[in-house]
């Protein structure tokens, strides 16, 4: 069974990015190592602060779009329910 992840990452200044992937660890590795050109590379967004899992790709994409459409304050509310300290949930995944 496949799993799909909707995730939110941030940087030191609190900029938020919402994404979807079928491999969360690989995708966060790509963000941390600036392997993909774009917004997250430009703004050094690489700290995983929220994620949720589903086994349905359509649901994951719909959820990503839903969260992207929210106000910043609503996104922050979601993050703080899940991760009140805004700790990087992926910190232990990678050496160095």
N, C-alpha and C. Protein backbone atom coordinates (compact mmCIF):
# COMPACT_ATOMS: atom_id res chain seq x y z
N UNK A 1 0.85 -1.19 0.00
CA UNK A 1 0.00 0.00 0.00
C UNK A 1 0.89 1.25 0.00
N UNK A 2 0.58 2.17 -0.84
CA UNK A 2 1.33 3.43 -0.91
C UNK A 2 0.86 4.40 0.15
N UNK A 3 1.77 5.25 0.57
CA UNK A 3 1.43 6.33 1.50
C UNK A 3 1.80 7.65 0.86
N UNK A 4 1.00 8.66 1.15
CA UNK A 4 1.21 10.00 0.64
C UNK A 4 1.19 10.95 1.81
N UNK A 5 2.04 11.96 1.73
CA UNK A 5 2.23 12.88 2.84
C UNK A 5 1.95 14.31 2.39
N UNK A 6 1.18 15.01 3.18
CA UNK A 6 1.03 16.46 3.04
C UNK A 6 1.89 17.04 4.16
N UNK A 7 2.74 17.98 3.81
CA UNK A 7 3.69 18.47 4.80
C UNK A 7 3.83 19.98 4.74
N UNK A 8 4.29 20.53 5.86
CA UNK A 8 4.60 21.95 5.93
C UNK A 8 6.03 22.07 6.42
N UNK A 9 6.82 22.87 5.70
CA UNK A 9 8.18 23.15 6.11
C UNK A 9 8.35 24.66 6.26
N UNK A 10 9.39 25.03 6.98
CA UNK A 10 9.63 26.45 7.26
C UNK A 10 11.13 26.73 7.26
N UNK A 11 11.47 27.99 7.46
CA UNK A 11 12.86 28.41 7.62
C UNK A 11 12.98 29.17 8.93
N UNK A 12 14.14 29.74 9.18
CA UNK A 12 14.38 30.45 10.44
C UNK A 12 13.50 31.68 10.61
N UNK A 13 13.06 32.27 9.50
CA UNK A 13 12.21 33.47 9.62
C UNK A 13 10.72 33.14 9.62
N UNK A 14 10.36 31.86 9.51
CA UNK A 14 8.97 31.46 9.63
C UNK A 14 8.17 31.42 8.33
N UNK A 15 8.84 31.51 7.18
CA UNK A 15 8.15 31.36 5.90
C UNK A 15 7.64 29.93 5.80
N UNK A 16 6.40 29.75 5.33
CA UNK A 16 5.79 28.43 5.25
C UNK A 16 5.69 27.95 3.81
N UNK A 17 5.87 26.65 3.63
CA UNK A 17 5.69 26.00 2.34
C UNK A 17 4.90 24.73 2.58
N UNK A 18 3.85 24.51 1.79
CA UNK A 18 3.02 23.30 1.89
C UNK A 18 3.29 22.46 0.66
N UNK A 19 3.53 21.16 0.86
CA UNK A 19 3.81 20.26 -0.25
C UNK A 19 3.16 18.91 -0.06
N UNK A 20 3.27 18.08 -1.09
CA UNK A 20 2.77 16.71 -1.05
C UNK A 20 3.82 15.81 -1.69
N UNK A 21 3.96 14.60 -1.16
CA UNK A 21 4.95 13.66 -1.67
C UNK A 21 4.55 12.24 -1.33
N UNK A 22 5.15 11.29 -2.03
CA UNK A 22 4.93 9.87 -1.68
C UNK A 22 6.11 9.31 -0.89
N UNK A 23 7.13 10.13 -0.65
CA UNK A 23 8.29 9.71 0.13
C UNK A 23 8.79 10.91 0.93
N UNK A 24 8.32 11.03 2.15
CA UNK A 24 8.60 12.22 2.95
C UNK A 24 10.09 12.36 3.27
N UNK A 25 10.74 11.29 3.63
CA UNK A 25 12.16 11.39 3.99
C UNK A 25 12.99 11.85 2.78
N UNK A 26 12.74 11.27 1.62
CA UNK A 26 13.47 11.68 0.42
C UNK A 26 13.22 13.14 0.07
N UNK A 27 11.96 13.55 0.17
CA UNK A 27 11.60 14.92 -0.20
C UNK A 27 12.23 15.93 0.75
N UNK A 28 12.23 15.63 2.03
CA UNK A 28 12.86 16.54 2.99
C UNK A 28 14.37 16.58 2.77
N UNK A 29 14.98 15.44 2.44
CA UNK A 29 16.40 15.41 2.09
C UNK A 29 16.67 16.36 0.92
N UNK A 30 15.81 16.32 -0.09
CA UNK A 30 15.96 17.21 -1.25
C UNK A 30 15.87 18.67 -0.84
N UNK A 31 14.92 18.99 0.05
CA UNK A 31 14.80 20.37 0.53
C UNK A 31 16.06 20.77 1.32
N UNK A 32 16.49 19.92 2.23
CA UNK A 32 17.63 20.26 3.08
C UNK A 32 18.92 20.44 2.27
N UNK A 33 19.05 19.71 1.18
CA UNK A 33 20.26 19.75 0.38
C UNK A 33 20.12 20.61 -0.88
N UNK A 34 19.01 21.36 -0.95
CA UNK A 34 18.78 22.33 -2.03
C UNK A 34 18.92 21.67 -3.42
N UNK A 35 18.35 20.48 -3.58
CA UNK A 35 18.48 19.73 -4.82
C UNK A 35 17.45 20.12 -5.87
N UNK A 36 16.39 20.81 -5.48
CA UNK A 36 15.34 21.20 -6.41
C UNK A 36 15.29 22.73 -6.48
N UNK A 37 15.35 23.24 -7.70
CA UNK A 37 15.25 24.69 -7.90
C UNK A 37 13.85 25.16 -7.50
N UNK A 38 13.76 26.36 -6.98
CA UNK A 38 12.46 26.92 -6.69
C UNK A 38 12.40 27.67 -5.38
N UNK A 39 11.18 27.85 -4.91
CA UNK A 39 10.87 28.65 -3.73
C UNK A 39 11.63 28.20 -2.49
N UNK A 40 11.60 26.88 -2.22
CA UNK A 40 12.22 26.41 -0.98
C UNK A 40 13.73 26.56 -1.00
N UNK A 41 14.34 26.38 -2.16
CA UNK A 41 15.79 26.59 -2.28
C UNK A 41 16.13 28.06 -2.11
N UNK A 42 15.37 28.91 -2.79
CA UNK A 42 15.62 30.36 -2.74
C UNK A 42 15.54 30.91 -1.32
N UNK A 43 14.56 30.43 -0.56
CA UNK A 43 14.34 30.97 0.79
C UNK A 43 14.85 30.06 1.91
N UNK A 44 15.63 29.04 1.56
CA UNK A 44 16.24 28.15 2.55
C UNK A 44 15.20 27.52 3.48
N UNK A 45 14.14 27.02 2.90
CA UNK A 45 13.05 26.41 3.66
C UNK A 45 13.32 24.91 3.73
N UNK A 46 13.62 24.42 4.94
CA UNK A 46 14.05 23.03 5.04
C UNK A 46 13.75 22.36 6.39
N UNK A 47 12.92 22.96 7.22
CA UNK A 47 12.60 22.40 8.53
C UNK A 47 11.17 21.85 8.51
N UNK A 48 11.04 20.55 8.66
CA UNK A 48 9.73 19.91 8.66
C UNK A 48 9.03 20.18 9.99
N UNK A 49 7.89 20.85 9.93
CA UNK A 49 7.19 21.18 11.17
C UNK A 49 5.79 20.57 11.27
N UNK A 50 5.31 19.97 10.17
CA UNK A 50 3.99 19.35 10.19
C UNK A 50 3.90 18.35 9.05
N UNK A 51 3.20 17.25 9.29
CA UNK A 51 2.85 16.35 8.19
C UNK A 51 1.65 15.51 8.59
N UNK A 52 0.98 15.02 7.59
CA UNK A 52 -0.09 14.05 7.79
C UNK A 52 0.02 13.01 6.68
N UNK A 53 -0.54 11.83 6.93
CA UNK A 53 -0.37 10.69 6.04
C UNK A 53 -1.74 10.18 5.58
N UNK A 54 -1.80 9.77 4.31
CA UNK A 54 -2.99 9.12 3.77
C UNK A 54 -2.56 8.07 2.78
N UNK A 55 -3.42 7.12 2.49
CA UNK A 55 -3.09 6.12 1.48
C UNK A 55 -3.76 6.42 0.14
N UNK A 56 -4.36 7.60 0.03
CA UNK A 56 -5.07 8.00 -1.19
C UNK A 56 -4.44 9.25 -1.78
N UNK A 57 -3.87 9.12 -2.97
CA UNK A 57 -3.16 10.25 -3.60
C UNK A 57 -4.10 11.42 -3.88
N UNK A 58 -5.33 11.14 -4.28
CA UNK A 58 -6.28 12.22 -4.58
C UNK A 58 -6.58 13.01 -3.31
N UNK A 59 -6.79 12.30 -2.21
CA UNK A 59 -7.04 12.98 -0.93
C UNK A 59 -5.85 13.83 -0.50
N UNK A 60 -4.65 13.32 -0.73
CA UNK A 60 -3.45 14.07 -0.36
C UNK A 60 -3.36 15.37 -1.16
N UNK A 61 -3.60 15.29 -2.46
CA UNK A 61 -3.53 16.48 -3.31
C UNK A 61 -4.62 17.48 -2.94
N UNK A 62 -5.82 16.98 -2.66
CA UNK A 62 -6.92 17.87 -2.25
C UNK A 62 -6.59 18.55 -0.91
N UNK A 63 -6.02 17.80 0.01
CA UNK A 63 -5.66 18.36 1.31
C UNK A 63 -4.56 19.42 1.16
N UNK A 64 -3.58 19.14 0.32
CA UNK A 64 -2.53 20.13 0.07
C UNK A 64 -3.14 21.43 -0.45
N UNK A 65 -4.04 21.32 -1.41
CA UNK A 65 -4.68 22.51 -1.98
C UNK A 65 -5.51 23.23 -0.93
N UNK A 66 -6.19 22.46 -0.08
CA UNK A 66 -6.99 23.06 0.98
C UNK A 66 -6.11 23.88 1.92
N UNK A 67 -5.03 23.28 2.40
CA UNK A 67 -4.15 23.97 3.34
C UNK A 67 -3.50 25.18 2.68
N UNK A 68 -3.07 25.04 1.42
CA UNK A 68 -2.47 26.16 0.71
C UNK A 68 -3.43 27.35 0.61
N UNK A 69 -4.72 27.07 0.56
CA UNK A 69 -5.72 28.12 0.46
C UNK A 69 -6.05 28.82 1.77
N UNK A 70 -5.58 28.27 2.87
CA UNK A 70 -5.85 28.84 4.18
C UNK A 70 -5.03 30.11 4.41
N UNK A 71 -5.51 30.89 5.36
CA UNK A 71 -4.73 32.05 5.81
C UNK A 71 -3.51 31.55 6.58
N UNK A 72 -2.53 32.39 6.71
CA UNK A 72 -1.33 32.04 7.48
C UNK A 72 -1.71 31.68 8.92
N UNK A 73 -2.62 32.43 9.51
CA UNK A 73 -2.99 32.16 10.91
C UNK A 73 -3.64 30.79 11.07
N UNK A 74 -4.42 30.36 10.10
CA UNK A 74 -5.03 29.03 10.18
C UNK A 74 -3.97 27.94 10.02
N UNK A 75 -2.99 28.16 9.15
CA UNK A 75 -1.88 27.20 9.01
C UNK A 75 -1.10 27.10 10.31
N UNK A 76 -0.84 28.24 10.93
CA UNK A 76 -0.11 28.25 12.20
C UNK A 76 -0.89 27.51 13.28
N UNK A 77 -2.19 27.69 13.30
CA UNK A 77 -3.04 26.98 14.26
C UNK A 77 -2.89 25.46 14.08
N UNK A 78 -2.90 24.98 12.84
CA UNK A 78 -2.73 23.56 12.55
C UNK A 78 -1.35 23.08 13.02
N UNK A 79 -0.33 23.81 12.68
CA UNK A 79 1.04 23.45 13.08
C UNK A 79 1.14 23.34 14.59
N UNK A 80 0.61 24.32 15.29
CA UNK A 80 0.77 24.37 16.75
C UNK A 80 -0.04 23.30 17.47
N UNK A 81 -1.10 22.79 16.86
CA UNK A 81 -1.82 21.65 17.44
C UNK A 81 -0.95 20.39 17.37
N UNK A 82 -0.19 20.26 16.30
CA UNK A 82 0.62 19.08 16.02
C UNK A 82 2.02 19.20 16.61
N UNK A 83 2.58 20.40 16.57
CA UNK A 83 3.98 20.62 16.92
C UNK A 83 4.14 22.02 17.55
N UNK A 84 3.69 22.17 18.80
CA UNK A 84 3.66 23.50 19.42
C UNK A 84 5.01 24.21 19.49
N UNK A 85 6.11 23.46 19.54
CA UNK A 85 7.43 24.08 19.62
C UNK A 85 8.07 24.33 18.27
N UNK A 86 7.37 24.01 17.20
CA UNK A 86 7.88 24.16 15.83
C UNK A 86 9.25 23.48 15.68
N UNK A 87 9.41 22.32 16.33
CA UNK A 87 10.66 21.58 16.21
C UNK A 87 10.76 20.95 14.82
N UNK A 88 11.98 20.83 14.30
CA UNK A 88 12.20 20.18 13.02
C UNK A 88 12.02 18.67 13.22
N UNK A 89 10.92 18.15 12.73
CA UNK A 89 10.56 16.75 12.95
C UNK A 89 11.48 15.79 12.19
N UNK A 90 12.27 16.30 11.28
CA UNK A 90 13.16 15.46 10.48
C UNK A 90 14.61 15.53 10.95
N UNK A 91 14.87 16.26 11.99
CA UNK A 91 16.25 16.49 12.43
C UNK A 91 17.03 15.21 12.66
N UNK A 92 16.40 14.20 13.20
CA UNK A 92 17.10 12.95 13.52
C UNK A 92 17.24 12.00 12.32
N UNK A 93 16.64 12.35 11.20
CA UNK A 93 16.67 11.46 10.03
C UNK A 93 18.00 11.46 9.31
N UNK A 94 18.76 12.53 9.41
CA UNK A 94 19.95 12.70 8.61
C UNK A 94 21.16 12.95 9.49
N UNK A 95 22.29 12.40 9.13
CA UNK A 95 23.53 12.65 9.85
C UNK A 95 24.05 14.03 9.49
N UNK A 96 24.69 14.69 10.47
CA UNK A 96 25.29 16.00 10.21
C UNK A 96 24.28 17.04 10.33
